[in-house]
Amino acid sequence: MLEDKIQGQIVMYYKNNYVLNDRRCMILSIPNGGKRDRMTAIVLKATGLYPGAADLLLIHRGWVGFVELKTDIGMQSPEQREFVKQIGCYRARFG
């Protein structure tokens, strides 16, 4: 299964099970991927694009977390590894 399909399922699950019942819960995507023209890339960087940022931002009753999705064959990029170091988090693997 592709990462974007997995991400969509996670977002739908979280919204249906938490966001609808608790205003202190939120999940949103961080759209860092994809092909862009040079001018769009410049604008996005100037407005806060952070290379390697996780796929999802999760806010759960005062707790903030980042979720990076990988398939079984997916690998973290150097920028993603740097992001993990920058925010001081640990890695967990599920499944």
Protein backbone atom coordinates (compact mmCIF):
# COMPACT_ATOMS: atom_id res chain seq x y z
CA MET A 1 0.00 0.00 0.00
CA LEU A 2 1.25 3.50 -0.81
CA GLU A 3 2.16 5.91 1.98
CA ASP A 4 -0.50 8.43 0.90
CA LYS A 5 -3.25 5.79 1.18
CA ILE A 6 -2.00 4.77 4.64
CA GLN A 7 -1.87 8.44 5.64
CA GLY A 8 -5.44 8.98 4.45
CA GLN A 9 -6.64 6.01 6.50
CA ILE A 10 -4.85 7.28 9.62
CA VAL A 11 -6.33 10.77 9.20
CA MET A 12 -9.85 9.39 8.71
CA TYR A 13 -9.52 7.05 11.72
CA TYR A 14 -8.21 9.80 14.00
CA LYS A 15 -10.86 12.30 12.91
CA ASN A 16 -13.69 9.78 13.33
CA ASN A 17 -12.49 8.50 16.71
CA TYR A 18 -11.07 11.63 18.36
CA VAL A 19 -11.58 14.92 16.53
CA LEU A 20 -15.36 14.55 16.26
CA ASN A 21 -15.63 13.95 20.01
CA ASP A 22 -12.96 16.23 21.47
CA ARG A 23 -12.17 19.78 20.40
CA ARG A 24 -8.69 19.37 21.89
CA CYS A 25 -7.75 16.88 19.19
CA MET A 26 -6.54 17.74 15.70
CA ILE A 27 -4.61 16.06 12.91
CA LEU A 28 -3.21 17.80 9.86
CA SER A 29 -0.82 17.06 7.05
CA ILE A 30 2.49 18.78 6.42
CA PRO A 31 2.71 18.78 2.60
CA ASN A 32 6.47 18.77 2.07
CA GLY A 33 6.55 16.28 -0.80
CA GLY A 34 5.81 16.55 -4.48
CA LYS A 35 7.31 18.20 -7.51
CA ARG A 36 7.20 21.98 -7.66
CA ASP A 37 8.48 24.64 -9.97
CA ARG A 38 11.38 26.79 -8.74
CA MET A 39 9.29 29.87 -7.86
CA THR A 40 6.77 27.82 -5.85
CA ALA A 41 9.63 26.16 -3.96
CA ILE A 42 11.13 29.57 -3.14
CA VAL A 43 7.80 30.90 -1.85
CA LEU A 44 7.13 27.77 0.22
CA LYS A 45 10.59 27.92 1.81
CA ALA A 46 10.14 31.61 2.60
CA THR A 47 6.80 30.89 4.26
CA GLY A 48 8.02 28.08 6.51
CA LEU A 49 8.50 24.89 4.52
CA TYR A 50 10.89 22.73 6.51
CA PRO A 51 12.65 19.98 4.53
CA GLY A 52 12.25 16.62 6.20
CA ALA A 53 9.29 17.60 8.39
CA ALA A 54 7.04 14.69 9.29
CA ASP A 55 3.98 13.79 7.24
CA LEU A 56 1.43 14.56 9.96
CA LEU A 57 1.09 16.85 12.96
CA LEU A 58 -1.04 15.39 15.73
CA ILE A 59 -2.49 17.38 18.61
CA HIS A 60 -4.06 15.18 21.25
CA ARG A 61 -5.41 16.79 24.44
CA GLY A 62 -2.41 19.08 24.92
CA TRP A 63 0.18 16.66 23.57
CA VAL A 64 1.83 17.39 20.21
CA GLY A 65 3.37 14.68 18.06
CA PHE A 66 4.73 14.20 14.59
CA VAL A 67 4.04 11.13 12.46
CA GLU A 68 6.29 10.09 9.59
CA LEU A 69 4.91 7.27 7.47
CA LYS A 70 7.00 4.69 5.68
CA THR A 71 6.07 1.49 3.90
CA ASP A 72 8.11 -1.64 4.56
CA ILE A 73 10.51 -0.59 1.81
CA GLY A 74 10.53 3.14 2.64
CA MET A 75 13.65 4.84 3.96
CA GLN A 76 14.12 8.11 5.82
CA SER A 77 15.87 10.81 3.84
CA PRO A 78 18.83 12.65 5.40
CA GLU A 79 16.50 15.66 5.90
CA GLN A 80 13.97 13.48 7.74
CA ARG A 81 16.69 12.11 10.02
CA GLU A 82 17.81 15.67 10.74
CA PHE A 83 14.22 16.68 11.55
CA VAL A 84 14.01 13.84 14.10
CA LYS A 85 17.24 15.08 15.72
CA GLN A 86 16.08 18.70 15.63
CA ILE A 87 12.84 18.04 17.51
CA GLY A 88 14.51 15.59 19.89
CA CYS A 89 12.10 12.73 19.36
CA TYR A 90 12.49 9.00 19.33
CA ARG A 91 11.55 6.54 16.63
CA ALA A 92 8.88 3.92 16.99
CA ARG A 93 7.87 1.24 14.54
CA PHE A 94 4.44 -0.31 14.40
CA GLY A 95 3.17 -3.25 12.43
